[in-house]
Amino acid sequence: MLRNLDLVSLRSLVAVADTGGVTKAAGYLHLTQSAVSMQLKRLEDALGLKLLDRSHRTVSLTSEGEQLLSYARRMIALNDEVYTRLTAKEYEGEIVLGVPHDIVYPAIPTVLQKFSAAFPRMRVNLLSSYTMKLRQDFSRGECDIILTTEESCGEGAETLCERRLVWIGAPGGVVWKTRPLRLAFEERCSFRSAVQRRLDEAGVPWELAVESASTRTVEASVSADLAVHSVIEGMMPPYVAQIDHGGALPELQTVRINLYRSELAQSPAEQALVDLLREAYTGVSSSSQRQPSRLNGETAAAPAPLPFATGEACG
């Protein structure tokens, strides 16, 4: 038969251990001395163990009492945490989080899942857009926290990591070998001009084969081997592959994933969300997200992971 320990009695045990006596524990708990003694006796009877040594002028814990004390502290702490999370005003409400389309996968689903488990009464309103739009929304106070993809670090931002852009195409695709090189980009992609400039500098002719407001349209075109695209390393969707071009295409620039946090977003829940975002994006591994591709007919060896800038404040 399962039995439950009384948390009130466990609090009395902890108070006696911390204050050094029943009288002081009673004062700390705002109870009478007899009430505390009764709770301790009830606890001993429930366990069938002697928890206190009363043979001396001062009360001390027996070895069994010391062992129970460790459990009691954890049980009380967990009880208090649950009660606070489920009742305190600072653990309920909404957080508006803005994330660029191209870095939602693979980190954000895990972040939201962990946050929801820890803060079930908090709602995260996820806005996915372009960096420029997210920064505008943030400046107007419409977002509490945003991530951005930028070549530099804006004022008040924190750089979570630095990663390079890489070329992607269809698994087993050959369109990357054609000239002019067929490109697919979103209309408001902040990296498009820089990528096209790199191609011009390398003397690689190109044409904008697909231009769309939809990220899904661009990804569908790439996965169908109709065009190539560039993404931040380690954040490509699963149905495309990094192109092992062997130098036929230019290397692309390094970009930063920056975090902006409103001065008003300082609650425990918002801090926890920021911590989860830091963990997710500083922990992205280039090798863990990229499978060897065969876009050039050979298995591409994964390059060594690039160094990160972790939690670097700037601006």
C-alpha atoms as a PDB file:
ATOM      1  CA  MET A   1       0.000   0.000   0.000  1.00  0.00           C
ATOM      2  CA  LEU A   2       1.396   3.368  -1.031  1.00  0.00           C
ATOM      3  CA  ARG A   3       1.642   6.037   1.647  1.00  0.00           C
ATOM      4  CA  ASN A   4       2.242   9.758   1.408  1.00  0.00           C
ATOM      5  CA  LEU A   5       4.538  11.832   3.549  1.00  0.00           C
ATOM      6  CA  ASP A   6       3.090  15.027   4.975  1.00  0.00           C
ATOM      7  CA  LEU A   7       4.871  18.101   3.617  1.00  0.00           C
ATOM      8  CA  VAL A   8       3.920  20.154   6.679  1.00  0.00           C
ATOM      9  CA  SER A   9       5.700  17.644   8.902  1.00  0.00           C
ATOM     10  CA  LEU A  10       8.690  17.614   6.557  1.00  0.00           C
ATOM     11  CA  ARG A  11       8.877  21.416   6.816  1.00  0.00           C
ATOM     12  CA  SER A  12       9.011  21.074  10.579  1.00  0.00           C
ATOM     13  CA  LEU A  13      11.882  18.593  10.311  1.00  0.00           C
ATOM     14  CA  VAL A  14      13.827  20.955   8.038  1.00  0.00           C
ATOM     15  CA  ALA A  15      13.135  23.899  10.345  1.00  0.00           C
ATOM     16  CA  VAL A  16      14.415  21.985  13.385  1.00  0.00           C
ATOM     17  CA  ALA A  17      17.575  21.022  11.498  1.00  0.00           C
ATOM     18  CA  ASP A  18      18.162  24.592  10.316  1.00  0.00           C
ATOM     19  CA  THR A  19      17.409  26.389  13.594  1.00  0.00           C
ATOM     20  CA  GLY A  20      18.863  23.806  15.975  1.00  0.00           C
ATOM     21  CA  GLY A  21      15.809  23.188  18.117  1.00  0.00           C
ATOM     22  CA  VAL A  22      12.053  22.749  18.328  1.00  0.00           C
ATOM     23  CA  THR A  23      11.447  26.084  20.072  1.00  0.00           C
ATOM     24  CA  LYS A  24      13.284  28.111  17.426  1.00  0.00           C
ATOM     25  CA  ALA A  25      11.660  26.064  14.667  1.00  0.00           C
ATOM     26  CA  ALA A  26       8.231  26.853  16.094  1.00  0.00           C
ATOM     27  CA  GLY A  27       9.006  30.567  15.997  1.00  0.00           C
ATOM     28  CA  TYR A  28      10.294  30.325  12.452  1.00  0.00           C
ATOM     29  CA  LEU A  29       7.165  28.460  11.302  1.00  0.00           C
ATOM     30  CA  HIS A  30       4.794  30.649  13.346  1.00  0.00           C
ATOM     31  CA  LEU A  31       3.496  27.586  15.173  1.00  0.00           C
ATOM     32  CA  THR A  32       3.384  26.538  18.789  1.00  0.00           C
ATOM     33  CA  GLN A  33       6.124  24.302  20.128  1.00  0.00           C
ATOM     34  CA  SER A  34       3.597  21.549  20.808  1.00  0.00           C
ATOM     35  CA  ALA A  35       2.344  21.711  17.209  1.00  0.00           C
ATOM     36  CA  VAL A  36       5.856  21.241  15.849  1.00  0.00           C
ATOM     37  CA  SER A  37       6.516  18.365  18.266  1.00  0.00           C
ATOM     38  CA  MET A  38       3.263  16.727  17.203  1.00  0.00           C
ATOM     39  CA  GLN A  39       4.165  16.971  13.524  1.00  0.00           C
ATOM     40  CA  LEU A  40       7.574  15.428  14.145  1.00  0.00           C
ATOM     41  CA  LYS A  41       5.997  12.609  16.163  1.00  0.00           C
ATOM     42  CA  ARG A  42       3.504  12.007  13.363  1.00  0.00           C
ATOM     43  CA  LEU A  43       6.370  11.769  10.877  1.00  0.00           C
ATOM     44  CA  GLU A  44       8.247   9.269  13.049  1.00  0.00           C
ATOM     45  CA  ASP A  45       5.112   7.155  13.456  1.00  0.00           C
ATOM     46  CA  ALA A  46       4.435   7.171   9.704  1.00  0.00           C
ATOM     47  CA  LEU A  47       7.943   5.925   8.910  1.00  0.00           C
ATOM     48  CA  GLY A  48       8.409   3.752  11.976  1.00  0.00           C
ATOM     49  CA  LEU A  49      11.768   5.429  12.563  1.00  0.00           C
ATOM     50  CA  LYS A  50      13.345   7.583  15.232  1.00  0.00           C
ATOM     51  CA  LEU A  51      14.293  10.822  13.514  1.00  0.00           C
ATOM     52  CA  LEU A  52      15.336  13.005  16.466  1.00  0.00           C
ATOM     53  CA  ASP A  53      17.764  12.363  19.308  1.00  0.00           C
ATOM     54  CA  ARG A  54      16.212  13.980  22.380  1.00  0.00           C
ATOM     55  CA  SER A  55      18.641  12.505  24.917  1.00  0.00           C
ATOM     56  CA  HIS A  56      20.679  15.694  25.198  1.00  0.00           C
ATOM     57  CA  ARG A  57      19.827  19.270  26.059  1.00  0.00           C
ATOM     58  CA  THR A  58      19.766  20.098  22.360  1.00  0.00           C
ATOM     59  CA  VAL A  59      17.782  18.163  19.783  1.00  0.00           C
ATOM     60  CA  SER A  60      19.771  16.564  16.959  1.00  0.00           C
ATOM     61  CA  LEU A  61      18.911  14.371  14.001  1.00  0.00           C
ATOM     62  CA  THR A  62      19.567  10.663  14.038  1.00  0.00           C
ATOM     63  CA  SER A  63      21.243   9.032  11.046  1.00  0.00           C
ATOM     64  CA  GLU A  64      17.770   8.209   9.691  1.00  0.00           C
ATOM     65  CA  GLY A  65      16.743  11.819  10.280  1.00  0.00           C
ATOM     66  CA  GLU A  66      19.780  13.077   8.368  1.00  0.00           C
ATOM     67  CA  GLN A  67      18.928  10.802   5.478  1.00  0.00           C
ATOM     68  CA  LEU A  68      15.312  11.974   5.428  1.00  0.00           C
ATOM     69  CA  LEU A  69      16.419  15.614   5.648  1.00  0.00           C
ATOM     70  CA  SER A  70      18.029  15.443   2.214  1.00  0.00           C
ATOM     71  CA  TYR A  71      14.826  14.105   0.667  1.00  0.00           C
ATOM     72  CA  ALA A  72      12.706  16.584   2.613  1.00  0.00           C
ATOM     73  CA  ARG A  73      14.606  19.566   1.244  1.00  0.00           C
ATOM     74  CA  ARG A  74      14.167  18.354  -2.326  1.00  0.00           C
ATOM     75  CA  MET A  75      10.475  17.537  -1.865  1.00  0.00           C
ATOM     76  CA  ILE A  76       9.752  20.944  -0.350  1.00  0.00           C
ATOM     77  CA  ALA A  77      11.734  22.752  -3.039  1.00  0.00           C
ATOM     78  CA  LEU A  78       9.865  20.889  -5.777  1.00  0.00           C
ATOM     79  CA  ASN A  79       6.528  21.566  -4.098  1.00  0.00           C
ATOM     80  CA  ASP A  80       7.296  25.273  -3.830  1.00  0.00           C
ATOM     81  CA  GLU A  81       8.490  25.423  -7.432  1.00  0.00           C
ATOM     82  CA  VAL A  82       5.328  23.754  -8.733  1.00  0.00           C
ATOM     83  CA  TYR A  83       3.108  26.018  -6.663  1.00  0.00           C
ATOM     84  CA  THR A  84       4.933  29.134  -7.829  1.00  0.00           C
ATOM     85  CA  ARG A  85       4.959  28.116 -11.484  1.00  0.00           C
ATOM     86  CA  LEU A  86       1.244  27.367 -11.464  1.00  0.00           C
ATOM     87  CA  THR A  87       0.020  30.346  -9.452  1.00  0.00           C
ATOM     88  CA  ALA A  88       2.462  33.276  -9.608  1.00  0.00           C
ATOM     89  CA  LYS A  89       1.543  36.051 -12.033  1.00  0.00           C
ATOM     90  CA  GLU A  90       5.072  36.256 -13.436  1.00  0.00           C
ATOM     91  CA  TYR A  91       4.699  32.685 -14.733  1.00  0.00           C
ATOM     92  CA  GLU A  92       1.662  33.363 -16.884  1.00  0.00           C
ATOM     93  CA  GLY A  93       1.136  35.517 -19.950  1.00  0.00           C
ATOM     94  CA  GLU A  94       2.549  35.817 -23.455  1.00  0.00           C
ATOM     95  CA  ILE A  95       6.014  36.326 -24.916  1.00  0.00           C
ATOM     96  CA  VAL A  96       6.325  37.503 -28.517  1.00  0.00           C
ATOM     97  CA  LEU A  97       9.368  35.869 -30.109  1.00  0.00           C
ATOM     98  CA  GLY A  98      10.505  36.838 -33.593  1.00  0.00           C
ATOM     99  CA  VAL A  99      12.752  34.496 -35.605  1.00  0.00           C
ATOM    100  CA  PRO A 100      13.891  34.744 -39.249  1.00  0.00           C
ATOM    101  CA  HIS A 101      12.480  32.090 -41.566  1.00  0.00           C
ATOM    102  CA  ASP A 102      15.857  30.572 -42.334  1.00  0.00           C
ATOM    103  CA  ILE A 103      16.887  29.764 -38.755  1.00  0.00           C
ATOM    104  CA  VAL A 104      13.628  28.404 -37.355  1.00  0.00           C
ATOM    105  CA  TYR A 105      14.764  24.885 -38.224  1.00  0.00           C
ATOM    106  CA  PRO A 106      16.131  22.906 -36.428  1.00  0.00           C
ATOM    107  CA  ALA A 107      16.466  24.795 -33.127  1.00  0.00           C
ATOM    108  CA  ILE A 108      13.163  26.556 -32.468  1.00  0.00           C
ATOM    109  CA  PRO A 109      10.857  23.490 -32.184  1.00  0.00           C
ATOM    110  CA  THR A 110      13.073  22.096 -29.417  1.00  0.00           C
ATOM    111  CA  VAL A 111      13.264  25.479 -27.676  1.00  0.00           C
ATOM    112  CA  LEU A 112       9.476  25.842 -27.667  1.00  0.00           C
ATOM    113  CA  GLN A 113       8.970  22.290 -26.449  1.00  0.00           C
ATOM    114  CA  LYS A 114      11.350  22.738 -23.509  1.00  0.00           C
ATOM    115  CA  PHE A 115       9.915  26.129 -22.615  1.00  0.00           C
ATOM    116  CA  SER A 116       6.322  24.877 -22.694  1.00  0.00           C
ATOM    117  CA  ALA A 117       7.209  22.002 -20.381  1.00  0.00           C
ATOM    118  CA  ALA A 118       8.845  24.376 -17.884  1.00  0.00           C
ATOM    119  CA  PHE A 119       6.246  27.165 -18.136  1.00  0.00           C
ATOM    120  CA  PRO A 120       2.891  25.595 -19.041  1.00  0.00           C
ATOM    121  CA  ARG A 121       0.954  28.815 -18.359  1.00  0.00           C
ATOM    122  CA  MET A 122       3.156  30.957 -20.597  1.00  0.00           C
ATOM    123  CA  ARG A 123       2.345  31.280 -24.292  1.00  0.00           C
ATOM    124  CA  VAL A 124       5.025  31.980 -26.875  1.00  0.00           C
ATOM    125  CA  ASN A 125       3.687  33.831 -29.896  1.00  0.00           C
ATOM    126  CA  LEU A 126       6.203  32.925 -32.612  1.00  0.00           C
ATOM    127  CA  LEU A 127       6.570  35.425 -35.449  1.00  0.00           C
ATOM    128  CA  SER A 128       8.600  34.270 -38.435  1.00  0.00           C
ATOM    129  CA  SER A 129       9.687  36.951 -40.866  1.00  0.00           C
ATOM    130  CA  TYR A 130      12.748  38.660 -42.331  1.00  0.00           C
ATOM    131  CA  THR A 131      15.439  40.270 -40.209  1.00  0.00           C
ATOM    132  CA  MET A 132      14.633  43.804 -41.368  1.00  0.00           C
ATOM    133  CA  LYS A 133      10.931  43.379 -40.561  1.00  0.00           C
ATOM    134  CA  LEU A 134      11.683  41.807 -37.184  1.00  0.00           C
ATOM    135  CA  ARG A 135      13.961  44.680 -36.216  1.00  0.00           C
ATOM    136  CA  GLN A 136      11.262  47.159 -37.191  1.00  0.00           C
ATOM    137  CA  ASP A 137       8.699  45.276 -35.100  1.00  0.00           C
ATOM    138  CA  PHE A 138      11.132  45.144 -32.181  1.00  0.00           C
ATOM    139  CA  SER A 139      11.834  48.884 -32.345  1.00  0.00           C
ATOM    140  CA  ARG A 140       8.078  49.529 -32.173  1.00  0.00           C
ATOM    141  CA  GLY A 141       7.752  47.327 -29.095  1.00  0.00           C
ATOM    142  CA  GLU A 142       5.800  44.627 -30.925  1.00  0.00           C
ATOM    143  CA  CYS A 143       8.267  41.849 -30.034  1.00  0.00           C
ATOM    144  CA  ASP A 144       9.775  40.984 -26.663  1.00  0.00           C
ATOM    145  CA  ILE A 145      12.703  38.966 -28.009  1.00  0.00           C
ATOM    146  CA  ILE A 146      13.972  38.579 -31.561  1.00  0.00           C
ATOM    147  CA  LEU A 147      16.730  36.718 -33.339  1.00  0.00           C
ATOM    148  CA  THR A 148      18.296  38.193 -36.455  1.00  0.00           C
ATOM    149  CA  THR A 149      20.736  37.113 -39.149  1.00  0.00           C
ATOM    150  CA  GLU A 150      23.148  39.963 -39.863  1.00  0.00           C
ATOM    151  CA  GLU A 151      26.679  40.564 -41.058  1.00  0.00           C
ATOM    152  CA  SER A 152      27.385  42.718 -37.992  1.00  0.00           C
ATOM    153  CA  CYS A 153      26.020  43.135 -34.493  1.00  0.00           C
ATOM    154  CA  GLY A 154      23.429  45.854 -33.993  1.00  0.00           C
ATOM    155  CA  GLU A 155      23.252  48.186 -31.025  1.00  0.00           C
ATOM    156  CA  GLY A 156      22.082  46.401 -27.892  1.00  0.00           C
ATOM    157  CA  ALA A 157      22.323  42.950 -29.470  1.00  0.00           C
ATOM    158  CA  GLU A 158      24.106  39.827 -28.314  1.00  0.00           C
ATOM    159  CA  THR A 159      25.789  37.621 -30.902  1.00  0.00           C
ATOM    160  CA  LEU A 160      24.925  33.996 -30.211  1.00  0.00           C
ATOM    161  CA  CYS A 161      27.126  32.533 -32.930  1.00  0.00           C
ATOM    162  CA  GLU A 162      28.886  33.261 -36.201  1.00  0.00           C
ATOM    163  CA  ARG A 163      28.471  30.912 -39.140  1.00  0.00           C
ATOM    164  CA  ARG A 164      29.120  31.039 -42.841  1.00  0.00           C
ATOM    165  CA  LEU A 165      26.638  30.817 -45.666  1.00  0.00           C
ATOM    166  CA  VAL A 166      26.860  27.665 -47.778  1.00  0.00           C
ATOM    167  CA  TRP A 167      25.498  26.619 -51.157  1.00  0.00           C
ATOM    168  CA  ILE A 168      22.643  24.108 -51.142  1.00  0.00           C
ATOM    169  CA  GLY A 169      20.901  22.139 -53.860  1.00  0.00           C
ATOM    170  CA  ALA A 170      18.889  19.003 -54.451  1.00  0.00           C
ATOM    171  CA  PRO A 171      20.461  15.765 -53.185  1.00  0.00           C
ATOM    172  CA  GLY A 172      22.176  14.289 -56.232  1.00  0.00           C
ATOM    173  CA  GLY A 173      21.398  17.445 -58.202  1.00  0.00           C
ATOM    174  CA  VAL A 174      23.397  18.850 -61.115  1.00  0.00           C
ATOM    175  CA  VAL A 175      21.894  22.291 -61.687  1.00  0.00           C
ATOM    176  CA  TRP A 176      24.786  23.882 -59.798  1.00  0.00           C
ATOM    177  CA  LYS A 177      27.052  22.915 -62.727  1.00  0.00           C
ATOM    178  CA  THR A 178      25.012  24.848 -65.302  1.00  0.00           C
ATOM    179  CA  ARG A 179      25.943  28.331 -66.492  1.00  0.00           C
ATOM    180  CA  PRO A 180      24.512  30.784 -66.008  1.00  0.00           C
ATOM    181  CA  LEU A 181      24.044  29.523 -62.458  1.00  0.00           C
ATOM    182  CA  ARG A 182      20.347  29.370 -61.624  1.00  0.00           C
ATOM    183  CA  LEU A 183      19.589  31.054 -58.283  1.00  0.00           C
ATOM    184  CA  ALA A 184      16.494  30.885 -56.079  1.00  0.00           C
ATOM    185  CA  PHE A 185      15.945  33.565 -53.432  1.00  0.00           C
ATOM    186  CA  GLU A 186      13.215  35.165 -51.386  1.00  0.00           C
ATOM    187  CA  GLU A 187      12.329  38.687 -52.468  1.00  0.00           C
ATOM    188  CA  ARG A 188      13.520  40.255 -49.215  1.00  0.00           C
ATOM    189  CA  CYS A 189      16.463  37.987 -48.440  1.00  0.00           C
ATOM    190  CA  SER A 190      19.113  40.168 -46.812  1.00  0.00           C
ATOM    191  CA  PHE A 191      21.973  38.003 -48.142  1.00  0.00           C
ATOM    192  CA  ARG A 192      20.959  37.900 -51.794  1.00  0.00           C
ATOM    193  CA  SER A 193      22.915  40.968 -52.926  1.00  0.00           C
ATOM    194  CA  ALA A 194      26.085  39.817 -51.159  1.00  0.00           C
ATOM    195  CA  VAL A 195      25.826  36.329 -52.701  1.00  0.00           C
ATOM    196  CA  GLN A 196      25.331  37.762 -56.177  1.00  0.00           C
ATOM    197  CA  ARG A 197      28.280  40.087 -55.628  1.00  0.00           C
ATOM    198  CA  ARG A 198      30.486  37.108 -54.706  1.00  0.00           C
ATOM    199  CA  LEU A 199      29.481  35.397 -57.945  1.00  0.00           C
ATOM    200  CA  ASP A 200      30.314  38.520 -59.945  1.00  0.00           C
ATOM    201  CA  GLU A 201      33.701  38.811 -58.242  1.00  0.00           C
ATOM    202  CA  ALA A 202      34.418  35.146 -59.032  1.00  0.00           C
ATOM    203  CA  GLY A 203      33.387  35.578 -62.669  1.00  0.00           C
ATOM    204  CA  VAL A 204      30.516  33.075 -62.395  1.00  0.00           C
ATOM    205  CA  PRO A 205      27.563  34.064 -64.626  1.00  0.00           C
ATOM    206  CA  TRP A 206      24.181  33.745 -62.918  1.00  0.00           C
ATOM    207  CA  GLU A 207      20.481  34.340 -63.374  1.00  0.00           C
ATOM    208  CA  LEU A 208      17.687  34.748 -60.844  1.00  0.00           C
ATOM    209  CA  ALA A 209      15.579  31.757 -61.836  1.00  0.00           C
ATOM    210  CA  VAL A 210      13.207  31.851 -58.852  1.00  0.00           C
ATOM    211  CA  GLU A 211      12.196  34.918 -56.869  1.00  0.00           C
ATOM    212  CA  SER A 212       9.354  34.487 -54.404  1.00  0.00           C
ATOM    213  CA  ALA A 213       7.912  35.910 -51.213  1.00  0.00           C
ATOM    214  CA  SER A 214       7.580  32.331 -49.974  1.00  0.00           C
ATOM    215  CA  THR A 215      10.454  30.417 -48.375  1.00  0.00           C
ATOM    216  CA  ARG A 216       8.605  27.186 -49.165  1.00  0.00           C
ATOM    217  CA  THR A 217       8.571  28.043 -52.875  1.00  0.00           C
ATOM    218  CA  VAL A 218      12.312  28.630 -52.867  1.00  0.00           C
ATOM    219  CA  GLU A 219      12.956  25.381 -51.000  1.00  0.00           C
ATOM    220  CA  ALA A 220      10.679  23.433 -53.358  1.00  0.00           C
ATOM    221  CA  SER A 221      12.543  24.804 -56.378  1.00  0.00           C
ATOM    222  CA  VAL A 222      15.888  23.868 -54.863  1.00  0.00           C
ATOM    223  CA  SER A 223      14.793  20.362 -53.870  1.00  0.00           C
ATOM    224  CA  ALA A 224      13.511  19.831 -57.434  1.00  0.00           C
ATOM    225  CA  ASP A 225      16.995  20.697 -58.796  1.00  0.00           C
ATOM    226  CA  LEU A 226      15.686  23.783 -60.585  1.00  0.00           C
ATOM    227  CA  ALA A 227      18.037  26.214 -58.833  1.00  0.00           C
ATOM    228  CA  VAL A 228      20.538  26.603 -56.003  1.00  0.00           C
ATOM    229  CA  HIS A 229      20.266  28.668 -52.850  1.00  0.00           C
ATOM    230  CA  SER A 230      22.404  29.727 -49.887  1.00  0.00           C
ATOM    231  CA  VAL A 231      21.639  29.156 -46.206  1.00  0.00           C
ATOM    232  CA  ILE A 232      23.400  29.473 -42.893  1.00  0.00           C
ATOM    233  CA  GLU A 233      25.519  26.390 -42.318  1.00  0.00           C
ATOM    234  CA  GLY A 234      23.803  23.764 -40.185  1.00  0.00           C
ATOM    235  CA  MET A 235      20.296  25.179 -40.677  1.00  0.00           C
ATOM    236  CA  MET A 236      19.208  23.664 -43.945  1.00  0.00           C
ATOM    237  CA  PRO A 237      15.937  21.739 -44.294  1.00  0.00           C
ATOM    238  CA  PRO A 238      16.281  17.933 -44.465  1.00  0.00           C
ATOM    239  CA  TYR A 239      15.293  17.592 -48.132  1.00  0.00           C
ATOM    240  CA  VAL A 240      18.264  19.533 -49.541  1.00  0.00           C
ATOM    241  CA  ALA A 241      22.022  19.042 -49.272  1.00  0.00           C
ATOM    242  CA  GLN A 242      25.117  21.187 -49.100  1.00  0.00           C
ATOM    243  CA  ILE A 243      26.854  21.375 -52.464  1.00  0.00           C
ATOM    244  CA  ASP A 244      30.381  20.014 -52.558  1.00  0.00           C
ATOM    245  CA  HIS A 245      31.399  22.214 -55.478  1.00  0.00           C
ATOM    246  CA  GLY A 246      35.165  21.703 -55.214  1.00  0.00           C
ATOM    247  CA  GLY A 247      35.845  25.396 -55.777  1.00  0.00           C
ATOM    248  CA  ALA A 248      33.516  25.809 -58.752  1.00  0.00           C
ATOM    249  CA  LEU A 249      31.433  28.226 -56.700  1.00  0.00           C
ATOM    250  CA  PRO A 250      32.786  31.037 -54.511  1.00  0.00           C
ATOM    251  CA  GLU A 251      32.961  30.745 -50.748  1.00  0.00           C
ATOM    252  CA  LEU A 252      30.318  32.893 -49.091  1.00  0.00           C
ATOM    253  CA  GLN A 253      30.412  35.329 -46.214  1.00  0.00           C
ATOM    254  CA  THR A 254      30.100  34.726 -42.494  1.00  0.00           C
ATOM    255  CA  VAL A 255      26.938  35.945 -40.766  1.00  0.00           C
ATOM    256  CA  ARG A 256      25.914  36.441 -37.156  1.00  0.00           C
ATOM    257  CA  ILE A 257      22.869  35.185 -35.344  1.00  0.00           C
ATOM    258  CA  ASN A 258      22.038  38.021 -32.964  1.00  0.00           C
ATOM    259  CA  LEU A 259      19.618  38.199 -30.058  1.00  0.00           C
ATOM    260  CA  TYR A 260      17.725  41.366 -29.129  1.00  0.00           C
ATOM    261  CA  ARG A 261      15.815  41.533 -25.860  1.00  0.00           C
ATOM    262  CA  SER A 262      13.451  44.268 -24.750  1.00  0.00           C
ATOM    263  CA  GLU A 263      14.300  46.082 -21.529  1.00  0.00           C
ATOM    264  CA  LEU A 264      10.786  45.157 -20.392  1.00  0.00           C
ATOM    265  CA  ALA A 265      11.339  41.438 -21.020  1.00  0.00           C
ATOM    266  CA  GLN A 266      13.011  40.665 -17.696  1.00  0.00           C
ATOM    267  CA  SER A 267      10.671  38.147 -16.056  1.00  0.00           C
ATOM    268  CA  PRO A 268      11.925  34.708 -14.948  1.00  0.00           C
ATOM    269  CA  ALA A 269      10.089  33.128 -17.877  1.00  0.00           C
ATOM    270  CA  GLU A 270      11.627  35.503 -20.401  1.00  0.00           C
ATOM    271  CA  GLN A 271      15.064  34.909 -18.922  1.00  0.00           C
ATOM    272  CA  ALA A 272      14.510  31.160 -19.240  1.00  0.00           C
ATOM    273  CA  LEU A 273      13.535  31.559 -22.903  1.00  0.00           C
ATOM    274  CA  VAL A 274      16.667  33.616 -23.578  1.00  0.00           C
ATOM    275  CA  ASP A 275      18.774  30.923 -21.909  1.00  0.00           C
ATOM    276  CA  LEU A 276      17.179  28.233 -24.086  1.00  0.00           C
ATOM    277  CA  LEU A 277      17.865  30.273 -27.227  1.00  0.00           C
ATOM    278  CA  ARG A 278      21.491  30.753 -26.208  1.00  0.00           C
ATOM    279  CA  GLU A 279      21.862  27.037 -25.593  1.00  0.00           C
ATOM    280  CA  ALA A 280      20.219  26.109 -28.890  1.00  0.00           C
ATOM    281  CA  TYR A 281      22.185  28.409 -31.168  1.00  0.00           C
ATOM    282  CA  THR A 282      25.587  28.244 -29.544  1.00  0.00           C
ATOM    283  CA  GLY A 283      25.245  24.456 -29.616  1.00  0.00           C
ATOM    284  CA  VAL A 284      24.447  24.092 -33.322  1.00  0.00           C
ATOM    285  CA  SER A 285      27.106  21.849 -34.815  1.00  0.00           C
ATOM    286  CA  SER A 286      27.875  21.979 -38.518  1.00  0.00           C
ATOM    287  CA  SER A 287      28.666  18.274 -38.549  1.00  0.00           C
ATOM    288  CA  SER A 288      25.533  17.252 -36.648  1.00  0.00           C
ATOM    289  CA  GLN A 289      23.177  18.981 -39.076  1.00  0.00           C
ATOM    290  CA  ARG A 290      24.832  18.094 -42.377  1.00  0.00           C
ATOM    291  CA  GLN A 291      24.874  14.658 -43.938  1.00  0.00           C
ATOM    292  CA  PRO A 292      27.507  13.823 -46.572  1.00  0.00           C
ATOM    293  CA  SER A 293      26.144  14.740 -49.998  1.00  0.00           C
ATOM    294  CA  ARG A 294      26.871  13.306 -53.416  1.00  0.00           C
ATOM    295  CA  LEU A 295      26.167  16.363 -55.519  1.00  0.00           C
ATOM    296  CA  ASN A 296      29.431  15.998 -57.420  1.00  0.00           C
ATOM    297  CA  GLY A 297      29.252  12.228 -57.716  1.00  0.00           C
ATOM    298  CA  GLU A 298      31.503  11.692 -54.693  1.00  0.00           C
ATOM    299  CA  THR A 299      30.866  11.624 -51.006  1.00  0.00           C
ATOM    300  CA  ALA A 300      31.688  15.018 -49.539  1.00  0.00           C
ATOM    301  CA  ALA A 301      33.798  15.035 -46.414  1.00  0.00           C
ATOM    302  CA  ALA A 302      32.414  17.239 -43.664  1.00  0.00           C
ATOM    303  CA  PRO A 303      34.732  20.159 -42.903  1.00  0.00           C
ATOM    304  CA  ALA A 304      35.846  20.865 -39.378  1.00  0.00           C
ATOM    305  CA  PRO A 305      33.307  22.823 -37.316  1.00  0.00           C
ATOM    306  CA  LEU A 306      33.763  26.563 -37.423  1.00  0.00           C
ATOM    307  CA  PRO A 307      34.552  28.477 -34.236  1.00  0.00           C
ATOM    308  CA  PHE A 308      31.657  30.190 -32.488  1.00  0.00           C
ATOM    309  CA  ALA A 309      31.303  33.526 -30.822  1.00  0.00           C
ATOM    310  CA  THR A 310      29.339  32.545 -27.752  1.00  0.00           C
ATOM    311  CA  GLY A 311      27.201  35.061 -25.925  1.00  0.00           C
ATOM    312  CA  GLU A 312      29.188  38.022 -27.254  1.00  0.00           C
ATOM    313  CA  ALA A 313      27.553  41.321 -26.325  1.00  0.00           C
ATOM    314  CA  CYS A 314      27.969  44.160 -28.781  1.00  0.00           C
ATOM    315  CA  GLY A 315      26.644  47.553 -29.631  1.00  0.00           C
END
